[in-house]
């Protein structure tokens, strides 16, 4: 069985200097300054459909799979490749 490829940690920076990305302890984000952390997504189990669902910050389902690990991997790939489009202001 092959090991899945490592997904890189990505931070996206705006022209005003603000940044966004999935939280990781690999990078000490406090070294960049004061953190303002908000949830970009949520992974929950759907009892009725017997599968895991990834919700975006608005509460819409954006991915589903019977495997939680597949959902977590998809979430990391998705958010590390997509420039954030919402603001927490």
C-alpha atoms as a PDB file:
ATOM      1  CA  UNK A   1       0.000   0.000   0.000  1.00  0.00           C
ATOM      2  CA  UNK A   2       1.423   3.388  -0.976  1.00  0.00           C
ATOM      3  CA  UNK A   3       1.683   6.320   1.386  1.00  0.00           C
ATOM      4  CA  UNK A   4      -0.353   9.376   0.321  1.00  0.00           C
ATOM      5  CA  UNK A   5       1.670  12.362  -0.842  1.00  0.00           C
ATOM      6  CA  UNK A   6       2.308  15.038   1.765  1.00  0.00           C
ATOM      7  CA  UNK A   7       0.112  18.110   1.395  1.00  0.00           C
ATOM      8  CA  UNK A   8       2.102  21.314   1.858  1.00  0.00           C
ATOM      9  CA  UNK A   9       1.085  23.912   4.423  1.00  0.00           C
ATOM     10  CA  UNK A  10       0.079  27.084   2.594  1.00  0.00           C
ATOM     11  CA  UNK A  11      -0.518  30.624   3.814  1.00  0.00           C
ATOM     12  CA  UNK A  12      -2.225  33.116   1.493  1.00  0.00           C
ATOM     13  CA  UNK A  13      -1.330  36.797   1.942  1.00  0.00           C
ATOM     14  CA  UNK A  14      -3.374  39.770   0.757  1.00  0.00           C
ATOM     15  CA  UNK A  15      -1.819  43.051  -0.472  1.00  0.00           C
ATOM     16  CA  UNK A  16      -2.682  44.662   2.892  1.00  0.00           C
ATOM     17  CA  UNK A  17      -0.493  42.092   4.677  1.00  0.00           C
ATOM     18  CA  UNK A  18      -3.279  39.962   6.166  1.00  0.00           C
ATOM     19  CA  UNK A  19      -2.898  36.246   5.744  1.00  0.00           C
ATOM     20  CA  UNK A  20      -5.095  33.171   5.795  1.00  0.00           C
ATOM     21  CA  UNK A  21      -4.599  29.419   5.782  1.00  0.00           C
ATOM     22  CA  UNK A  22      -5.415  26.259   7.667  1.00  0.00           C
ATOM     23  CA  UNK A  23      -4.036  26.375  11.185  1.00  0.00           C
ATOM     24  CA  UNK A  24      -0.986  24.259  11.766  1.00  0.00           C
ATOM     25  CA  UNK A  25       1.551  24.068  14.535  1.00  0.00           C
ATOM     26  CA  UNK A  26       4.279  23.346  11.981  1.00  0.00           C
ATOM     27  CA  UNK A  27       4.565  27.111  11.513  1.00  0.00           C
ATOM     28  CA  UNK A  28       4.581  29.246  14.680  1.00  0.00           C
ATOM     29  CA  UNK A  29       1.984  31.726  13.445  1.00  0.00           C
ATOM     30  CA  UNK A  30       2.318  33.866  16.589  1.00  0.00           C
ATOM     31  CA  UNK A  31       5.728  34.924  15.239  1.00  0.00           C
ATOM     32  CA  UNK A  32       3.856  36.787  12.477  1.00  0.00           C
ATOM     33  CA  UNK A  33       1.854  38.868  14.958  1.00  0.00           C
ATOM     34  CA  UNK A  34      -1.550  38.841  16.637  1.00  0.00           C
ATOM     35  CA  UNK A  35      -3.757  35.983  15.451  1.00  0.00           C
ATOM     36  CA  UNK A  36      -7.438  36.320  14.546  1.00  0.00           C
ATOM     37  CA  UNK A  37      -8.587  32.718  14.100  1.00  0.00           C
ATOM     38  CA  UNK A  38     -11.928  31.694  12.593  1.00  0.00           C
ATOM     39  CA  UNK A  39     -13.156  28.341  11.353  1.00  0.00           C
ATOM     40  CA  UNK A  40     -13.093  27.916   7.556  1.00  0.00           C
ATOM     41  CA  UNK A  41     -14.834  24.536   7.590  1.00  0.00           C
ATOM     42  CA  UNK A  42     -16.242  21.796   9.764  1.00  0.00           C
ATOM     43  CA  UNK A  43     -16.289  17.998   9.351  1.00  0.00           C
ATOM     44  CA  UNK A  44     -19.274  16.158  10.818  1.00  0.00           C
ATOM     45  CA  UNK A  45     -20.777  12.667  10.552  1.00  0.00           C
ATOM     46  CA  UNK A  46     -24.236  12.436   8.941  1.00  0.00           C
ATOM     47  CA  UNK A  47     -26.112   9.632  10.718  1.00  0.00           C
ATOM     48  CA  UNK A  48     -28.879   9.435   8.085  1.00  0.00           C
ATOM     49  CA  UNK A  49     -26.506   8.984   5.124  1.00  0.00           C
ATOM     50  CA  UNK A  50     -23.746   7.246   7.124  1.00  0.00           C
ATOM     51  CA  UNK A  51     -20.995   9.437   5.725  1.00  0.00           C
ATOM     52  CA  UNK A  52     -18.773  12.330   6.715  1.00  0.00           C
ATOM     53  CA  UNK A  53     -19.550  15.801   5.390  1.00  0.00           C
ATOM     54  CA  UNK A  54     -17.321  18.860   5.022  1.00  0.00           C
ATOM     55  CA  UNK A  55     -19.162  22.140   5.557  1.00  0.00           C
ATOM     56  CA  UNK A  56     -17.826  25.544   4.510  1.00  0.00           C
ATOM     57  CA  UNK A  57     -17.963  28.568   6.800  1.00  0.00           C
ATOM     58  CA  UNK A  58     -21.527  29.356   5.618  1.00  0.00           C
ATOM     59  CA  UNK A  59     -22.796  25.881   6.579  1.00  0.00           C
ATOM     60  CA  UNK A  60     -23.067  24.452   3.056  1.00  0.00           C
ATOM     61  CA  UNK A  61     -21.878  20.892   2.385  1.00  0.00           C
ATOM     62  CA  UNK A  62     -18.897  21.066   0.022  1.00  0.00           C
ATOM     63  CA  UNK A  63     -17.671  17.440   0.137  1.00  0.00           C
ATOM     64  CA  UNK A  64     -18.824  14.047   1.431  1.00  0.00           C
ATOM     65  CA  UNK A  65     -17.242  10.621   1.818  1.00  0.00           C
ATOM     66  CA  UNK A  66     -17.744   7.543   4.024  1.00  0.00           C
ATOM     67  CA  UNK A  67     -14.155   8.010   5.265  1.00  0.00           C
ATOM     68  CA  UNK A  68     -13.327  10.804   7.711  1.00  0.00           C
ATOM     69  CA  UNK A  69      -9.676  10.620   6.703  1.00  0.00           C
ATOM     70  CA  UNK A  70     -10.632  11.182   3.044  1.00  0.00           C
ATOM     71  CA  UNK A  71     -12.685  14.226   4.102  1.00  0.00           C
ATOM     72  CA  UNK A  72      -9.828  15.646   6.187  1.00  0.00           C
ATOM     73  CA  UNK A  73      -7.369  15.147   3.343  1.00  0.00           C
ATOM     74  CA  UNK A  74      -9.780  16.728   0.841  1.00  0.00           C
ATOM     75  CA  UNK A  75     -10.288  19.675   3.216  1.00  0.00           C
ATOM     76  CA  UNK A  76      -6.535  20.298   3.492  1.00  0.00           C
ATOM     77  CA  UNK A  77      -6.002  19.991  -0.282  1.00  0.00           C
ATOM     78  CA  UNK A  78      -8.982  22.257  -1.026  1.00  0.00           C
ATOM     79  CA  UNK A  79      -8.082  25.047   1.371  1.00  0.00           C
ATOM     80  CA  UNK A  80      -4.372  24.919   0.597  1.00  0.00           C
ATOM     81  CA  UNK A  81      -5.107  25.448  -3.121  1.00  0.00           C
ATOM     82  CA  UNK A  82      -7.919  27.998  -2.870  1.00  0.00           C
ATOM     83  CA  UNK A  83      -7.389  31.643  -2.064  1.00  0.00           C
ATOM     84  CA  UNK A  84      -9.803  32.577   0.736  1.00  0.00           C
ATOM     85  CA  UNK A  85     -12.752  34.614  -0.508  1.00  0.00           C
ATOM     86  CA  UNK A  86     -14.401  35.634   2.775  1.00  0.00           C
ATOM     87  CA  UNK A  87     -13.506  38.129   5.426  1.00  0.00           C
ATOM     88  CA  UNK A  88     -13.925  37.756   9.173  1.00  0.00           C
ATOM     89  CA  UNK A  89     -14.589  41.508   9.578  1.00  0.00           C
END
